[in-house]
Amino acid sequence: MVRITIEDFVKATHSVYRSTVLAFKRARQLNDEGHAPTIETKGDKITTLAIKEVILGNVIPCESKEFKVEE
């Protein structure tokens, strides 16, 4: 089991706010738009999946208000 820490979450974008917004947008993509997760789910909740994807660098913020998902 991967341990999620706030330090790792913030390191992903160097900002608590940016990391939170990024995870929120990714969670909505996974839940509402039916996108496939980039990591193994293991029964995790959508929010946990989105946070893990941000920490692992699978979701990358762009200069615009959008983001890219690295498969």
Foldseek 3Di string as FASTA:
>chain_A
DDDDDVVLLCVLPVHSVVSVVQLVVQLCCVPVVVDDQPDDCPPPHSSVSSSVCSSVVQWADDPPRHIHGHD
